[in-house]
Amino acid sequence: MGIEIINEPNTATSWPMMNVTERYKAVDPELAEGTGPIAFDWLKNFYITAYHRLRDEDKGALPTSKAVVFHDGFDLDQWKDFMCGED
């Protein structure tokens, strides 16, 4: 068992496939103005930050027996070299 940081983030790859703006009409178009897909650079930085917070022993770390899961954002090619280092 583990924790998935974000389930199915709506990225630049999935946004057009899911036809988000037509499929999910905004209740308040003015408030929704500027809504768009999550950039992979932003998502990768978010995942790295979240991972380190979950594993931070000073803050009650998630046990190492528990997995930290990253959703691929519907684009496997984006993750080829992600988090491959010791850090």
C-alpha atoms as a PDB file:
ATOM      1  CA  MET A   1       0.000   0.000   0.000  1.00  0.00           C
ATOM      2  CA  GLY A   2       1.028   3.585  -0.489  1.00  0.00           C
ATOM      3  CA  ILE A   3      -0.128   7.019  -1.423  1.00  0.00           C
ATOM      4  CA  GLU A   4      -0.643   8.540  -4.860  1.00  0.00           C
ATOM      5  CA  ILE A   5       0.182  12.222  -4.769  1.00  0.00           C
ATOM      6  CA  ILE A   6      -2.239  13.259  -7.544  1.00  0.00           C
ATOM      7  CA  ASN A   7      -4.720  11.004  -9.313  1.00  0.00           C
ATOM      8  CA  GLU A   8      -4.856  11.564 -13.074  1.00  0.00           C
ATOM      9  CA  PRO A   9      -3.456  15.090 -13.361  1.00  0.00           C
ATOM     10  CA  ASN A  10      -4.888  16.812 -16.409  1.00  0.00           C
ATOM     11  CA  THR A  11      -1.755  17.566 -18.406  1.00  0.00           C
ATOM     12  CA  ALA A  12      -1.093  19.068 -21.827  1.00  0.00           C
ATOM     13  CA  THR A  13      -1.294  15.520 -23.197  1.00  0.00           C
ATOM     14  CA  SER A  14      -4.657  14.604 -21.664  1.00  0.00           C
ATOM     15  CA  TRP A  15      -6.359  18.018 -21.866  1.00  0.00           C
ATOM     16  CA  PRO A  16      -7.266  17.796 -25.579  1.00  0.00           C
ATOM     17  CA  MET A  17      -8.013  14.038 -25.391  1.00  0.00           C
ATOM     18  CA  MET A  18     -10.540  14.654 -22.649  1.00  0.00           C
ATOM     19  CA  ASN A  19     -11.987  17.752 -24.297  1.00  0.00           C
ATOM     20  CA  VAL A  20     -12.086  19.330 -20.860  1.00  0.00           C
ATOM     21  CA  THR A  21     -13.632  22.717 -21.600  1.00  0.00           C
ATOM     22  CA  GLU A  22     -16.522  21.153 -23.534  1.00  0.00           C
ATOM     23  CA  ARG A  23     -17.021  18.119 -21.330  1.00  0.00           C
ATOM     24  CA  TYR A  24     -16.945  20.010 -18.029  1.00  0.00           C
ATOM     25  CA  LYS A  25     -18.661  23.352 -18.494  1.00  0.00           C
ATOM     26  CA  ALA A  26     -17.689  26.010 -15.974  1.00  0.00           C
ATOM     27  CA  VAL A  27     -20.369  26.979 -13.491  1.00  0.00           C
ATOM     28  CA  ASP A  28     -18.784  30.440 -13.401  1.00  0.00           C
ATOM     29  CA  PRO A  29     -17.030  31.152 -16.744  1.00  0.00           C
ATOM     30  CA  GLU A  30     -15.376  34.291 -15.383  1.00  0.00           C
ATOM     31  CA  LEU A  31     -13.861  32.409 -12.455  1.00  0.00           C
ATOM     32  CA  ALA A  32     -12.743  29.581 -14.775  1.00  0.00           C
ATOM     33  CA  GLU A  33     -11.058  31.961 -17.221  1.00  0.00           C
ATOM     34  CA  GLY A  34      -7.447  30.970 -17.807  1.00  0.00           C
ATOM     35  CA  THR A  35      -7.985  27.375 -16.687  1.00  0.00           C
ATOM     36  CA  GLY A  36      -5.718  25.030 -18.572  1.00  0.00           C
ATOM     37  CA  PRO A  37      -3.645  21.885 -18.435  1.00  0.00           C
ATOM     38  CA  ILE A  38      -0.891  21.208 -15.929  1.00  0.00           C
ATOM     39  CA  ALA A  39       2.589  21.648 -17.418  1.00  0.00           C
ATOM     40  CA  PHE A  40       4.896  18.651 -16.990  1.00  0.00           C
ATOM     41  CA  ASP A  41       7.705  20.804 -15.552  1.00  0.00           C
ATOM     42  CA  TRP A  42       5.340  22.051 -12.853  1.00  0.00           C
ATOM     43  CA  LEU A  43       4.048  18.516 -12.179  1.00  0.00           C
ATOM     44  CA  LYS A  44       7.568  17.084 -11.868  1.00  0.00           C
ATOM     45  CA  ASN A  45       8.592  19.794  -9.403  1.00  0.00           C
ATOM     46  CA  PHE A  46       5.396  19.214  -7.433  1.00  0.00           C
ATOM     47  CA  TYR A  47       6.065  15.466  -7.279  1.00  0.00           C
ATOM     48  CA  ILE A  48       9.657  15.990  -6.099  1.00  0.00           C
ATOM     49  CA  THR A  49       8.552  18.413  -3.374  1.00  0.00           C
ATOM     50  CA  ALA A  50       5.722  16.126  -2.253  1.00  0.00           C
ATOM     51  CA  TYR A  51       7.991  13.078  -2.221  1.00  0.00           C
ATOM     52  CA  HIS A  52      10.563  14.792  -0.007  1.00  0.00           C
ATOM     53  CA  ARG A  53       7.858  15.998   2.379  1.00  0.00           C
ATOM     54  CA  LEU A  54       6.386  12.511   2.638  1.00  0.00           C
ATOM     55  CA  ARG A  55       9.802  11.008   3.355  1.00  0.00           C
ATOM     56  CA  ASP A  56      10.991  13.754   5.759  1.00  0.00           C
ATOM     57  CA  GLU A  57      11.829  11.942   9.003  1.00  0.00           C
ATOM     58  CA  ASP A  58      11.632  15.189  10.991  1.00  0.00           C
ATOM     59  CA  LYS A  59       7.965  15.523  10.071  1.00  0.00           C
ATOM     60  CA  GLY A  60       6.707  11.999  10.709  1.00  0.00           C
ATOM     61  CA  ALA A  61       7.750  10.383   7.442  1.00  0.00           C
ATOM     62  CA  LEU A  62       5.633   7.912   5.553  1.00  0.00           C
ATOM     63  CA  PRO A  63       7.140   4.510   6.386  1.00  0.00           C
ATOM     64  CA  THR A  64       9.559   3.228   3.735  1.00  0.00           C
ATOM     65  CA  SER A  65       7.373   0.127   3.494  1.00  0.00           C
ATOM     66  CA  LYS A  66       4.728   2.363   1.900  1.00  0.00           C
ATOM     67  CA  ALA A  67       5.053   3.345  -1.756  1.00  0.00           C
ATOM     68  CA  VAL A  68       4.828   6.882  -3.071  1.00  0.00           C
ATOM     69  CA  VAL A  69       3.018   6.673  -6.410  1.00  0.00           C
ATOM     70  CA  PHE A  70       3.234   9.151  -9.277  1.00  0.00           C
ATOM     71  CA  HIS A  71       0.589   9.219 -11.988  1.00  0.00           C
ATOM     72  CA  ASP A  72       2.133   9.583 -15.452  1.00  0.00           C
ATOM     73  CA  GLY A  73      -0.265  12.304 -16.621  1.00  0.00           C
ATOM     74  CA  PHE A  74      -1.098  10.113 -19.622  1.00  0.00           C
ATOM     75  CA  ASP A  75       2.349  10.510 -21.198  1.00  0.00           C
ATOM     76  CA  LEU A  76       4.911   7.823 -20.307  1.00  0.00           C
ATOM     77  CA  ASP A  77       7.655   9.439 -22.397  1.00  0.00           C
ATOM     78  CA  GLN A  78       7.818  12.386 -19.986  1.00  0.00           C
ATOM     79  CA  TRP A  79       9.157  10.213 -17.168  1.00  0.00           C
ATOM     80  CA  LYS A  80      12.098   8.345 -18.691  1.00  0.00           C
ATOM     81  CA  ASP A  81      14.773   9.949 -16.467  1.00  0.00           C
ATOM     82  CA  PHE A  82      12.572  11.245 -13.651  1.00  0.00           C
ATOM     83  CA  MET A  83      13.984  10.807 -10.132  1.00  0.00           C
ATOM     84  CA  CYS A  84      16.714   8.394 -11.195  1.00  0.00           C
ATOM     85  CA  GLY A  85      19.402   9.787  -8.887  1.00  0.00           C
ATOM     86  CA  GLU A  86      20.169   8.805  -5.322  1.00  0.00           C
ATOM     87  CA  ASP A  87      18.568  12.002  -4.016  1.00  0.00           C
END
